[in-house]
Amino acid sequence: MAKYIFYAILLYMAYRLVFDVILPIRRTTKAMKDQFRQAQEQMQQAQEQAQQPSRPASPQQGRPIGDYIDFEEVK
């Protein structure tokens, strides 16, 4: 009879160890890895955007300016 009680206590302790210690640590570790991965991706995207050459916006692009008038110096 004492043998069964010992095994029951041992089984209960193993159950508590798994569900109170090991699983929360695993969940926390997984969440931290996910957050670290997201931060890395954001940094990489920001770095890629910073490396792309920015072209100056030309407001007159595609619009005709008007007739060209030759300049003659008057004396």
Protein backbone atom coordinates (compact mmCIF):
# COMPACT_ATOMS: atom_id res chain seq x y z
CA MET A 1 0.00 0.00 0.00
CA ALA A 2 2.83 2.41 0.82
CA LYS A 3 4.29 1.67 -2.60
CA TYR A 4 1.13 3.00 -4.31
CA ILE A 5 1.10 6.12 -2.19
CA PHE A 6 4.77 6.74 -3.04
CA TYR A 7 4.06 6.37 -6.78
CA ALA A 8 0.99 8.62 -6.53
CA ILE A 9 3.03 11.33 -4.80
CA LEU A 10 5.83 10.92 -7.35
CA LEU A 11 3.35 11.16 -10.23
CA TYR A 12 1.74 14.25 -8.69
CA MET A 13 5.15 15.92 -8.28
CA ALA A 14 6.05 15.15 -11.90
CA TYR A 15 2.69 16.58 -13.02
CA ARG A 16 3.26 19.78 -11.02
CA LEU A 17 6.82 20.10 -12.36
CA VAL A 18 5.67 19.84 -15.97
CA PHE A 19 2.65 22.13 -15.75
CA ASP A 20 3.94 24.68 -13.22
CA VAL A 21 7.58 25.00 -14.29
CA ILE A 22 8.46 23.53 -17.69
CA LEU A 23 5.47 24.68 -19.77
CA PRO A 24 5.50 28.31 -18.56
CA ILE A 25 9.24 28.54 -19.26
CA ARG A 26 8.69 27.12 -22.74
CA ARG A 27 5.85 29.57 -23.47
CA THR A 28 7.91 32.52 -22.23
CA THR A 29 10.92 31.46 -24.29
CA LYS A 30 8.78 31.09 -27.41
CA ALA A 31 7.19 34.52 -26.89
CA MET A 32 10.61 36.14 -26.43
CA LYS A 33 11.93 34.49 -29.59
CA ASP A 34 8.91 35.73 -31.55
CA GLN A 35 9.39 39.28 -30.27
CA PHE A 36 13.10 39.18 -31.08
CA ARG A 37 12.36 37.91 -34.60
CA GLN A 38 9.81 40.70 -35.15
CA ALA A 39 12.28 43.33 -33.96
CA GLN A 40 14.93 41.94 -36.30
CA GLU A 41 12.53 42.04 -39.26
CA GLN A 42 11.58 45.64 -38.48
CA MET A 43 15.23 46.65 -38.24
CA GLN A 44 15.99 44.92 -41.53
CA GLN A 45 13.07 46.63 -43.28
CA ALA A 46 14.14 50.03 -41.94
CA GLN A 47 17.69 49.39 -43.07
CA GLU A 48 16.54 48.39 -46.56
CA GLN A 49 14.42 51.53 -46.84
CA ALA A 50 17.35 53.69 -45.75
CA GLN A 51 19.62 52.11 -48.35
CA GLN A 52 17.26 52.72 -51.26
CA PRO A 53 18.30 55.81 -53.19
CA SER A 54 15.66 58.49 -53.02
CA ARG A 55 14.95 60.31 -56.26
CA PRO A 56 14.13 63.98 -55.97
CA ALA A 57 10.57 64.71 -56.92
CA SER A 58 10.36 66.78 -60.06
CA PRO A 59 7.12 68.79 -60.07
CA GLN A 60 7.51 69.75 -63.74
CA GLN A 61 8.03 66.24 -64.96
CA GLY A 62 5.72 65.54 -67.88
CA ARG A 63 4.29 69.07 -68.06
CA PRO A 64 5.31 71.44 -70.84
CA ILE A 65 6.82 74.63 -69.47
CA GLY A 66 5.87 76.78 -72.42
CA ASP A 67 7.45 78.29 -75.51
CA TYR A 68 11.17 78.80 -75.54
CA ILE A 69 12.12 82.42 -76.21
CA ASP A 70 15.62 83.09 -77.44
CA PHE A 71 17.38 85.74 -75.40
CA GLU A 72 18.98 88.59 -77.32
CA GLU A 73 21.03 91.16 -75.55
CA VAL A 74 19.88 94.72 -76.27
CA LYS A 75 22.55 97.50 -76.27
